[in-house]
């Protein structure tokens, strides 16, 4: 190999090696078995490794965040029809219990308290104690697809103000409002959406 060719290849090889070392450092902690920077070493501010590492760190962090999102959201399975029936039975068993704002059982409930309680007892799923937040735990379904145990969300404009458990035949089991008790009744409005908990 001529001196001219070696001179042209050397910068490219140095850049490739620096990127490889940076990748190993980000993915493995260090290529030399150390997990923390050496306090006695002098920083090399112009090192190609240091210039490349932040970009690779960002890429690694993005990949890790994506994997966590994938595990959290895509590995959750929608409840089965049998689980839905169990949810409905648990909710219906609370019929007659008082509505108390902020209550989550076992003897008094508000609307999202009842749904969260029924899902926790029947399926082990811990829904948030908030009707709007519970919508985020569901997959949107049509009224025709709805089956017992699915959630029904009542809307005022874009705001979810009430949640109930679907009981079939256009009826729900819910904790209505102060002064009322948990009961089954017909859905009284068309401003509702349906969701299946995942």
C-alpha atoms as a PDB file:
ATOM      1  CA  UNK A   1       0.000   0.000   0.000  1.00  0.00           C
ATOM      2  CA  UNK A   2       1.427   3.371  -1.002  1.00  0.00           C
ATOM      3  CA  UNK A   3       2.137   6.102   1.575  1.00  0.00           C
ATOM      4  CA  UNK A   4      -0.515   8.260  -0.139  1.00  0.00           C
ATOM      5  CA  UNK A   5      -3.211   5.550   0.268  1.00  0.00           C
ATOM      6  CA  UNK A   6      -2.257   5.006   3.925  1.00  0.00           C
ATOM      7  CA  UNK A   7      -2.497   8.742   4.532  1.00  0.00           C
ATOM      8  CA  UNK A   8      -6.015   8.896   3.050  1.00  0.00           C
ATOM      9  CA  UNK A   9      -7.293   5.837   4.959  1.00  0.00           C
ATOM     10  CA  UNK A  10      -5.926   6.738   8.404  1.00  0.00           C
ATOM     11  CA  UNK A  11      -8.543   9.497   9.229  1.00  0.00           C
ATOM     12  CA  UNK A  12     -11.395   7.219   8.136  1.00  0.00           C
ATOM     13  CA  UNK A  13     -10.082   4.343  10.261  1.00  0.00           C
ATOM     14  CA  UNK A  14      -9.626   6.621  13.286  1.00  0.00           C
ATOM     15  CA  UNK A  15     -13.211   7.882  12.979  1.00  0.00           C
ATOM     16  CA  UNK A  16     -14.595   4.342  12.619  1.00  0.00           C
ATOM     17  CA  UNK A  17     -12.639   3.094  15.644  1.00  0.00           C
ATOM     18  CA  UNK A  18     -13.739   6.075  17.727  1.00  0.00           C
ATOM     19  CA  UNK A  19     -17.396   5.456  16.878  1.00  0.00           C
ATOM     20  CA  UNK A  20     -17.003   1.744  17.738  1.00  0.00           C
ATOM     21  CA  UNK A  21     -15.407   2.527  21.104  1.00  0.00           C
ATOM     22  CA  UNK A  22     -18.148   5.062  21.845  1.00  0.00           C
ATOM     23  CA  UNK A  23     -20.846   2.537  21.002  1.00  0.00           C
ATOM     24  CA  UNK A  24     -19.297  -0.076  23.290  1.00  0.00           C
ATOM     25  CA  UNK A  25     -18.944   2.486  26.054  1.00  0.00           C
ATOM     26  CA  UNK A  26     -22.614   3.480  25.836  1.00  0.00           C
ATOM     27  CA  UNK A  27     -23.953  -0.057  25.581  1.00  0.00           C
ATOM     28  CA  UNK A  28     -21.581  -1.796  27.931  1.00  0.00           C
ATOM     29  CA  UNK A  29     -20.546   0.863  30.410  1.00  0.00           C
ATOM     30  CA  UNK A  30     -16.858   0.757  29.412  1.00  0.00           C
ATOM     31  CA  UNK A  31     -14.603  -1.257  27.159  1.00  0.00           C
ATOM     32  CA  UNK A  32     -11.979  -1.498  29.874  1.00  0.00           C
ATOM     33  CA  UNK A  33     -14.077  -2.911  32.720  1.00  0.00           C
ATOM     34  CA  UNK A  34     -14.594   0.397  34.528  1.00  0.00           C
ATOM     35  CA  UNK A  35     -18.126   1.596  35.223  1.00  0.00           C
ATOM     36  CA  UNK A  36     -17.196   5.103  36.371  1.00  0.00           C
ATOM     37  CA  UNK A  37     -14.872   7.741  34.903  1.00  0.00           C
ATOM     38  CA  UNK A  38     -11.365   7.850  36.355  1.00  0.00           C
ATOM     39  CA  UNK A  39     -11.216  10.885  38.625  1.00  0.00           C
ATOM     40  CA  UNK A  40      -7.479  11.280  38.084  1.00  0.00           C
ATOM     41  CA  UNK A  41      -7.561  11.302  34.300  1.00  0.00           C
ATOM     42  CA  UNK A  42      -7.483  14.531  32.382  1.00  0.00           C
ATOM     43  CA  UNK A  43     -10.461  15.155  30.123  1.00  0.00           C
ATOM     44  CA  UNK A  44      -9.779  15.223  26.414  1.00  0.00           C
ATOM     45  CA  UNK A  45     -12.282  17.812  25.276  1.00  0.00           C
ATOM     46  CA  UNK A  46     -11.543  17.297  21.591  1.00  0.00           C
ATOM     47  CA  UNK A  47     -11.689  13.474  21.689  1.00  0.00           C
ATOM     48  CA  UNK A  48     -13.815  11.976  18.880  1.00  0.00           C
ATOM     49  CA  UNK A  49     -15.185   9.478  21.408  1.00  0.00           C
ATOM     50  CA  UNK A  50     -16.584  12.245  23.615  1.00  0.00           C
ATOM     51  CA  UNK A  51     -18.008  14.052  20.604  1.00  0.00           C
ATOM     52  CA  UNK A  52     -19.844  10.933  19.456  1.00  0.00           C
ATOM     53  CA  UNK A  53     -21.021   9.520  22.816  1.00  0.00           C
ATOM     54  CA  UNK A  54     -23.800  12.042  23.600  1.00  0.00           C
ATOM     55  CA  UNK A  55     -25.552  11.287  20.291  1.00  0.00           C
ATOM     56  CA  UNK A  56     -25.284   7.560  20.933  1.00  0.00           C
ATOM     57  CA  UNK A  57     -26.472   8.012  24.524  1.00  0.00           C
ATOM     58  CA  UNK A  58     -29.568   9.797  23.259  1.00  0.00           C
ATOM     59  CA  UNK A  59     -30.229   6.996  20.773  1.00  0.00           C
ATOM     60  CA  UNK A  60     -29.788   4.345  23.482  1.00  0.00           C
ATOM     61  CA  UNK A  61     -32.111   6.218  25.848  1.00  0.00           C
ATOM     62  CA  UNK A  62     -34.731   6.573  23.100  1.00  0.00           C
ATOM     63  CA  UNK A  63     -34.540   2.851  22.335  1.00  0.00           C
ATOM     64  CA  UNK A  64     -34.894   1.979  26.028  1.00  0.00           C
ATOM     65  CA  UNK A  65     -37.905   4.284  26.429  1.00  0.00           C
ATOM     66  CA  UNK A  66     -39.535   2.738  23.339  1.00  0.00           C
ATOM     67  CA  UNK A  67     -39.022  -0.782  24.729  1.00  0.00           C
ATOM     68  CA  UNK A  68     -40.568   0.203  28.069  1.00  0.00           C
ATOM     69  CA  UNK A  69     -43.546   1.763  26.254  1.00  0.00           C
ATOM     70  CA  UNK A  70     -43.929  -1.388  24.161  1.00  0.00           C
ATOM     71  CA  UNK A  71     -43.910  -3.637  27.249  1.00  0.00           C
ATOM     72  CA  UNK A  72     -46.327  -1.415  29.136  1.00  0.00           C
ATOM     73  CA  UNK A  73     -48.883  -0.761  26.392  1.00  0.00           C
ATOM     74  CA  UNK A  74     -48.641  -3.538  23.846  1.00  0.00           C
ATOM     75  CA  UNK A  75     -48.385  -6.516  26.165  1.00  0.00           C
ATOM     76  CA  UNK A  76     -51.589  -5.671  28.003  1.00  0.00           C
ATOM     77  CA  UNK A  77     -54.476  -7.833  26.832  1.00  0.00           C
ATOM     78  CA  UNK A  78     -58.105  -6.775  26.709  1.00  0.00           C
ATOM     79  CA  UNK A  79     -60.308  -8.432  29.282  1.00  0.00           C
ATOM     80  CA  UNK A  80     -62.170 -11.529  28.192  1.00  0.00           C
ATOM     81  CA  UNK A  81     -65.953 -11.913  28.114  1.00  0.00           C
ATOM     82  CA  UNK A  82     -65.757 -14.122  31.215  1.00  0.00           C
ATOM     83  CA  UNK A  83     -63.727 -11.490  33.079  1.00  0.00           C
ATOM     84  CA  UNK A  84     -66.235  -8.840  32.020  1.00  0.00           C
ATOM     85  CA  UNK A  85     -69.095 -10.856  33.493  1.00  0.00           C
ATOM     86  CA  UNK A  86     -67.155 -11.207  36.734  1.00  0.00           C
ATOM     87  CA  UNK A  87     -66.592  -7.424  36.817  1.00  0.00           C
ATOM     88  CA  UNK A  88     -70.331  -6.892  36.339  1.00  0.00           C
ATOM     89  CA  UNK A  89     -71.191  -9.351  39.119  1.00  0.00           C
ATOM     90  CA  UNK A  90     -68.847  -7.604  41.557  1.00  0.00           C
ATOM     91  CA  UNK A  91     -70.313  -4.193  40.684  1.00  0.00           C
ATOM     92  CA  UNK A  92     -73.922  -5.445  40.898  1.00  0.00           C
ATOM     93  CA  UNK A  93     -73.191  -6.929  44.332  1.00  0.00           C
ATOM     94  CA  UNK A  94     -72.623  -3.353  45.564  1.00  0.00           C
ATOM     95  CA  UNK A  95     -76.198  -2.326  44.697  1.00  0.00           C
ATOM     96  CA  UNK A  96     -77.658  -0.233  47.496  1.00  0.00           C
ATOM     97  CA  UNK A  97     -74.277   1.110  48.671  1.00  0.00           C
ATOM     98  CA  UNK A  98     -74.207   4.889  49.118  1.00  0.00           C
ATOM     99  CA  UNK A  99     -72.607   7.350  46.712  1.00  0.00           C
ATOM    100  CA  UNK A 100     -69.852   9.227  48.533  1.00  0.00           C
ATOM    101  CA  UNK A 101     -67.530  11.506  46.596  1.00  0.00           C
ATOM    102  CA  UNK A 102     -63.973  10.114  46.636  1.00  0.00           C
ATOM    103  CA  UNK A 103     -65.032   6.736  48.079  1.00  0.00           C
ATOM    104  CA  UNK A 104     -63.625   3.539  46.598  1.00  0.00           C
ATOM    105  CA  UNK A 105     -65.434   0.918  48.698  1.00  0.00           C
ATOM    106  CA  UNK A 106     -66.138  -1.469  50.072  1.00  0.00           C
ATOM    107  CA  UNK A 107     -69.371   0.105  51.405  1.00  0.00           C
ATOM    108  CA  UNK A 108     -69.522   3.455  49.606  1.00  0.00           C
ATOM    109  CA  UNK A 109     -68.389   4.602  46.154  1.00  0.00           C
ATOM    110  CA  UNK A 110     -68.230   7.418  43.691  1.00  0.00           C
ATOM    111  CA  UNK A 111     -68.537   6.545  39.997  1.00  0.00           C
ATOM    112  CA  UNK A 112     -64.868   5.812  39.225  1.00  0.00           C
ATOM    113  CA  UNK A 113     -64.446   4.327  42.684  1.00  0.00           C
ATOM    114  CA  UNK A 114     -67.029   1.661  41.848  1.00  0.00           C
ATOM    115  CA  UNK A 115     -65.468   0.811  38.478  1.00  0.00           C
ATOM    116  CA  UNK A 116     -61.948   0.710  39.947  1.00  0.00           C
ATOM    117  CA  UNK A 117     -63.139  -1.489  42.825  1.00  0.00           C
ATOM    118  CA  UNK A 118     -64.958  -3.941  40.533  1.00  0.00           C
ATOM    119  CA  UNK A 119     -61.946  -4.298  38.232  1.00  0.00           C
ATOM    120  CA  UNK A 120     -59.500  -4.717  41.098  1.00  0.00           C
ATOM    121  CA  UNK A 121     -61.595  -7.436  42.766  1.00  0.00           C
ATOM    122  CA  UNK A 122     -62.588  -9.231  39.550  1.00  0.00           C
ATOM    123  CA  UNK A 123     -59.411  -8.991  37.453  1.00  0.00           C
ATOM    124  CA  UNK A 124     -56.592  -7.646  39.629  1.00  0.00           C
ATOM    125  CA  UNK A 125     -56.278  -4.578  37.366  1.00  0.00           C
ATOM    126  CA  UNK A 126     -55.716  -1.312  39.227  1.00  0.00           C
ATOM    127  CA  UNK A 127     -57.530   1.410  37.312  1.00  0.00           C
ATOM    128  CA  UNK A 128     -56.923   5.034  38.279  1.00  0.00           C
ATOM    129  CA  UNK A 129     -59.578   6.619  40.496  1.00  0.00           C
ATOM    130  CA  UNK A 130     -60.701   9.121  37.877  1.00  0.00           C
ATOM    131  CA  UNK A 131     -63.285   8.687  35.117  1.00  0.00           C
ATOM    132  CA  UNK A 132     -61.289  10.516  32.451  1.00  0.00           C
ATOM    133  CA  UNK A 133     -58.061   8.686  33.329  1.00  0.00           C
ATOM    134  CA  UNK A 134     -59.863   5.338  33.205  1.00  0.00           C
ATOM    135  CA  UNK A 135     -60.684   6.018  29.564  1.00  0.00           C
ATOM    136  CA  UNK A 136     -56.940   5.873  28.903  1.00  0.00           C
ATOM    137  CA  UNK A 137     -56.955   2.254  30.110  1.00  0.00           C
ATOM    138  CA  UNK A 138     -59.448   1.192  27.468  1.00  0.00           C
ATOM    139  CA  UNK A 139     -59.605   0.392  23.795  1.00  0.00           C
ATOM    140  CA  UNK A 140     -62.435   2.329  22.154  1.00  0.00           C
ATOM    141  CA  UNK A 141     -65.257   0.092  20.941  1.00  0.00           C
ATOM    142  CA  UNK A 142     -68.652   0.722  19.367  1.00  0.00           C
ATOM    143  CA  UNK A 143     -71.989   0.404  21.157  1.00  0.00           C
ATOM    144  CA  UNK A 144     -72.644  -2.705  19.069  1.00  0.00           C
ATOM    145  CA  UNK A 145     -69.386  -4.316  20.284  1.00  0.00           C
ATOM    146  CA  UNK A 146     -70.017  -3.510  23.946  1.00  0.00           C
ATOM    147  CA  UNK A 147     -70.490  -6.459  26.265  1.00  0.00           C
ATOM    148  CA  UNK A 148     -71.112  -6.769  30.016  1.00  0.00           C
ATOM    149  CA  UNK A 149     -68.184  -5.476  32.042  1.00  0.00           C
ATOM    150  CA  UNK A 150     -67.023  -2.892  29.503  1.00  0.00           C
ATOM    151  CA  UNK A 151     -66.888   0.734  30.622  1.00  0.00           C
ATOM    152  CA  UNK A 152     -69.310   3.418  29.502  1.00  0.00           C
ATOM    153  CA  UNK A 153     -68.033   7.025  29.539  1.00  0.00           C
ATOM    154  CA  UNK A 154     -70.461   9.942  29.708  1.00  0.00           C
ATOM    155  CA  UNK A 155     -69.349  13.119  27.953  1.00  0.00           C
ATOM    156  CA  UNK A 156     -70.105  16.797  28.218  1.00  0.00           C
ATOM    157  CA  UNK A 157     -68.385  18.240  25.167  1.00  0.00           C
ATOM    158  CA  UNK A 158     -64.864  16.839  25.288  1.00  0.00           C
ATOM    159  CA  UNK A 159     -64.982  16.201  29.019  1.00  0.00           C
ATOM    160  CA  UNK A 160     -65.691  12.802  30.619  1.00  0.00           C
ATOM    161  CA  UNK A 161     -67.859  13.489  33.671  1.00  0.00           C
ATOM    162  CA  UNK A 162     -69.100   9.997  34.588  1.00  0.00           C
ATOM    163  CA  UNK A 163     -68.164   6.333  34.139  1.00  0.00           C
ATOM    164  CA  UNK A 164     -70.234   3.183  34.579  1.00  0.00           C
ATOM    165  CA  UNK A 165     -70.078  -0.561  33.935  1.00  0.00           C
ATOM    166  CA  UNK A 166     -72.036  -1.837  30.972  1.00  0.00           C
ATOM    167  CA  UNK A 167     -74.655  -4.400  31.986  1.00  0.00           C
ATOM    168  CA  UNK A 168     -76.070  -5.277  28.567  1.00  0.00           C
ATOM    169  CA  UNK A 169     -79.283  -4.218  26.776  1.00  0.00           C
ATOM    170  CA  UNK A 170     -78.450  -0.502  26.983  1.00  0.00           C
ATOM    171  CA  UNK A 171     -78.173  -0.594  30.799  1.00  0.00           C
ATOM    172  CA  UNK A 172     -75.382   0.155  33.270  1.00  0.00           C
ATOM    173  CA  UNK A 173     -74.454  -0.456  36.891  1.00  0.00           C
ATOM    174  CA  UNK A 174     -73.096   2.726  38.442  1.00  0.00           C
ATOM    175  CA  UNK A 175     -72.777   5.022  41.433  1.00  0.00           C
ATOM    176  CA  UNK A 176     -74.856   7.969  40.145  1.00  0.00           C
ATOM    177  CA  UNK A 177     -74.337  11.065  42.326  1.00  0.00           C
ATOM    178  CA  UNK A 178     -74.663  12.285  45.952  1.00  0.00           C
ATOM    179  CA  UNK A 179     -77.902  11.197  47.579  1.00  0.00           C
ATOM    180  CA  UNK A 180     -78.184   8.147  45.313  1.00  0.00           C
ATOM    181  CA  UNK A 181     -77.047   4.545  45.722  1.00  0.00           C
ATOM    182  CA  UNK A 182     -75.311   2.074  43.430  1.00  0.00           C
ATOM    183  CA  UNK A 183     -77.908   0.718  41.026  1.00  0.00           C
ATOM    184  CA  UNK A 184     -78.649  -0.615  37.563  1.00  0.00           C
ATOM    185  CA  UNK A 185     -80.481   1.638  35.114  1.00  0.00           C
ATOM    186  CA  UNK A 186     -80.879   2.450  31.451  1.00  0.00           C
ATOM    187  CA  UNK A 187     -78.413   4.743  29.677  1.00  0.00           C
ATOM    188  CA  UNK A 188     -80.249   8.074  29.432  1.00  0.00           C
ATOM    189  CA  UNK A 189     -78.158   9.899  26.830  1.00  0.00           C
ATOM    190  CA  UNK A 190     -76.492   9.363  23.467  1.00  0.00           C
ATOM    191  CA  UNK A 191     -73.390  11.325  24.595  1.00  0.00           C
ATOM    192  CA  UNK A 192     -71.499   8.196  25.633  1.00  0.00           C
ATOM    193  CA  UNK A 193     -68.559   6.183  24.396  1.00  0.00           C
ATOM    194  CA  UNK A 194     -67.608   2.609  25.200  1.00  0.00           C
ATOM    195  CA  UNK A 195     -64.226   1.189  26.154  1.00  0.00           C
ATOM    196  CA  UNK A 196     -62.814  -2.257  26.818  1.00  0.00           C
ATOM    197  CA  UNK A 197     -60.168  -2.342  29.546  1.00  0.00           C
ATOM    198  CA  UNK A 198     -56.764  -3.572  28.413  1.00  0.00           C
END
